[in-house]
Amino acid sequence: MEQEKDNFWLYIGGIIIATVVGVFLLKSREMESVPAKAYEETRAQVEKQIQNAKP
């Protein structure tokens, strides 16, 4: 019984680690698909709109 309990937490830990790694891989791949210049331009436009919206 004790060995089964230990394996349970190993499986849970493995699933959590795999999920975190998968999210980071997908996020980095998504950022690569957007050119850096386009990202910076979009960010600048959003900041400008936020400044204009403030009274």
N, C-alpha and C. Protein backbone atom coordinates (compact mmCIF):
# COMPACT_ATOMS: atom_id res chain seq x y z
N MET A 1 0.84 -1.21 0.00
CA MET A 1 0.00 0.00 0.00
C MET A 1 0.87 1.25 0.00
N GLU A 2 1.92 1.25 0.79
CA GLU A 2 2.80 2.43 0.86
C GLU A 2 3.46 2.71 -0.49
N GLN A 3 3.85 1.66 -1.20
CA GLN A 3 4.48 1.85 -2.51
C GLN A 3 3.50 2.44 -3.51
N GLU A 4 2.24 2.02 -3.45
CA GLU A 4 1.24 2.57 -4.36
C GLU A 4 1.01 4.05 -4.09
N LYS A 5 1.00 4.45 -2.84
CA LYS A 5 0.80 5.85 -2.49
C LYS A 5 1.96 6.70 -3.02
N ASP A 6 3.18 6.21 -2.87
CA ASP A 6 4.34 6.93 -3.38
C ASP A 6 4.25 7.11 -4.90
N ASN A 7 3.83 6.06 -5.60
CA ASN A 7 3.71 6.16 -7.05
C ASN A 7 2.63 7.15 -7.45
N PHE A 8 1.56 7.23 -6.69
CA PHE A 8 0.49 8.18 -6.98
C PHE A 8 1.03 9.60 -7.02
N TRP A 9 1.81 9.98 -6.01
CA TRP A 9 2.35 11.34 -5.96
C TRP A 9 3.40 11.56 -7.04
N LEU A 10 4.12 10.51 -7.41
CA LEU A 10 5.07 10.63 -8.53
C LEU A 10 4.31 10.91 -9.83
N TYR A 11 3.20 10.21 -10.04
CA TYR A 11 2.40 10.44 -11.25
C TYR A 11 1.82 11.86 -11.26
N ILE A 12 1.29 12.28 -10.13
CA ILE A 12 0.72 13.63 -10.04
C ILE A 12 1.80 14.67 -10.31
N GLY A 13 2.97 14.51 -9.70
CA GLY A 13 4.07 15.44 -9.93
C GLY A 13 4.51 15.45 -11.38
N GLY A 14 4.57 14.28 -12.00
CA GLY A 14 4.95 14.19 -13.41
C GLY A 14 3.95 14.88 -14.32
N ILE A 15 2.68 14.73 -14.02
CA ILE A 15 1.64 15.39 -14.83
C ILE A 15 1.75 16.91 -14.70
N ILE A 16 1.97 17.38 -13.48
CA ILE A 16 2.10 18.83 -13.26
C ILE A 16 3.32 19.38 -14.01
N ILE A 17 4.45 18.70 -13.89
CA ILE A 17 5.67 19.15 -14.56
C ILE A 17 5.48 19.14 -16.07
N ALA A 18 4.89 18.07 -16.60
CA ALA A 18 4.66 17.98 -18.05
C ALA A 18 3.74 19.10 -18.52
N THR A 19 2.74 19.44 -17.74
CA THR A 19 1.81 20.51 -18.11
C THR A 19 2.53 21.86 -18.14
N VAL A 20 3.33 22.13 -17.12
CA VAL A 20 4.05 23.41 -17.07
C VAL A 20 5.02 23.52 -18.24
N VAL A 21 5.77 22.46 -18.52
CA VAL A 21 6.71 22.47 -19.64
C VAL A 21 5.96 22.65 -20.96
N GLY A 22 4.84 21.97 -21.12
CA GLY A 22 4.05 22.10 -22.34
C GLY A 22 3.54 23.51 -22.55
N VAL A 23 3.08 24.15 -21.48
CA VAL A 23 2.59 25.53 -21.59
C VAL A 23 3.72 26.46 -22.02
N PHE A 24 4.90 26.30 -21.41
CA PHE A 24 6.03 27.16 -21.78
C PHE A 24 6.45 26.93 -23.23
N LEU A 25 6.45 25.68 -23.67
CA LEU A 25 6.83 25.40 -25.06
C LEU A 25 5.83 26.02 -26.04
N LEU A 26 4.54 25.88 -25.76
CA LEU A 26 3.54 26.46 -26.64
C LEU A 26 3.60 27.98 -26.62
N LYS A 27 3.83 28.56 -25.46
CA LYS A 27 3.90 30.02 -25.36
C LYS A 27 5.11 30.55 -26.13
N SER A 28 6.25 29.90 -26.02
CA SER A 28 7.43 30.36 -26.74
C SER A 28 7.24 30.19 -28.24
N ARG A 29 6.57 29.12 -28.65
CA ARG A 29 6.31 28.91 -30.08
C ARG A 29 5.36 29.98 -30.60
N GLU A 30 4.37 30.36 -29.79
CA GLU A 30 3.42 31.40 -30.19
C GLU A 30 4.13 32.74 -30.34
N MET A 31 5.04 33.05 -29.44
CA MET A 31 5.76 34.31 -29.51
C MET A 31 6.71 34.35 -30.71
N GLU A 32 7.26 33.20 -31.10
CA GLU A 32 8.14 33.15 -32.26
C GLU A 32 7.37 33.43 -33.54
N SER A 33 6.10 33.05 -33.58
CA SER A 33 5.32 33.24 -34.80
C SER A 33 4.99 34.71 -35.02
N VAL A 34 5.05 35.52 -33.96
CA VAL A 34 4.80 36.95 -34.09
C VAL A 34 6.16 37.65 -34.15
N PRO A 35 6.45 38.32 -35.25
CA PRO A 35 7.74 39.02 -35.34
C PRO A 35 7.89 40.03 -34.20
N ALA A 36 9.10 40.20 -33.71
CA ALA A 36 9.36 41.08 -32.57
C ALA A 36 8.94 42.52 -32.87
N LYS A 37 9.19 42.97 -34.09
CA LYS A 37 8.85 44.35 -34.44
C LYS A 37 7.34 44.55 -34.38
N ALA A 38 6.58 43.61 -34.90
CA ALA A 38 5.12 43.72 -34.87
C ALA A 38 4.61 43.72 -33.43
N TYR A 39 5.23 42.90 -32.59
CA TYR A 39 4.83 42.84 -31.18
C TYR A 39 5.08 44.19 -30.52
N GLU A 40 6.24 44.78 -30.76
CA GLU A 40 6.58 46.07 -30.16
C GLU A 40 5.63 47.18 -30.67
N GLU A 41 5.32 47.15 -31.97
CA GLU A 41 4.41 48.17 -32.51
C GLU A 41 3.03 48.04 -31.88
N THR A 42 2.55 46.82 -31.74
CA THR A 42 1.24 46.60 -31.14
C THR A 42 1.23 47.08 -29.69
N ARG A 43 2.29 46.75 -28.96
CA ARG A 43 2.39 47.17 -27.56
C ARG A 43 2.40 48.70 -27.47
N ALA A 44 3.13 49.35 -28.36
CA ALA A 44 3.18 50.82 -28.36
C ALA A 44 1.81 51.41 -28.65
N GLN A 45 1.09 50.82 -29.59
CA GLN A 45 -0.25 51.32 -29.92
C GLN A 45 -1.20 51.16 -28.73
N VAL A 46 -1.11 50.04 -28.06
CA VAL A 46 -1.97 49.80 -26.90
C VAL A 46 -1.66 50.81 -25.81
N GLU A 47 -0.37 51.04 -25.54
CA GLU A 47 0.00 52.01 -24.51
C GLU A 47 -0.49 53.42 -24.88
N LYS A 48 -0.40 53.77 -26.17
CA LYS A 48 -0.86 55.08 -26.62
C LYS A 48 -2.37 55.21 -26.40
N GLN A 49 -3.12 54.16 -26.72
CA GLN A 49 -4.57 54.20 -26.53
C GLN A 49 -4.92 54.32 -25.05
N ILE A 50 -4.16 53.64 -24.21
CA ILE A 50 -4.41 53.72 -22.76
C ILE A 50 -4.16 55.15 -22.28
N GLN A 51 -3.08 55.76 -22.75
CA GLN A 51 -2.78 57.14 -22.35
C GLN A 51 -3.87 58.10 -22.82
N ASN A 52 -4.38 57.90 -24.04
CA ASN A 52 -5.43 58.76 -24.58
C ASN A 52 -6.75 58.56 -23.84
N ALA A 53 -6.98 57.39 -23.31
CA ALA A 53 -8.24 57.09 -22.62
C ALA A 53 -8.27 57.70 -21.23
N LYS A 54 -7.10 57.95 -20.65
CA LYS A 54 -7.08 58.53 -19.31
C LYS A 54 -7.53 59.98 -19.37
N PRO A 55 -8.37 60.40 -18.43
CA PRO A 55 -8.88 61.79 -18.45
C PRO A 55 -7.80 62.80 -18.09
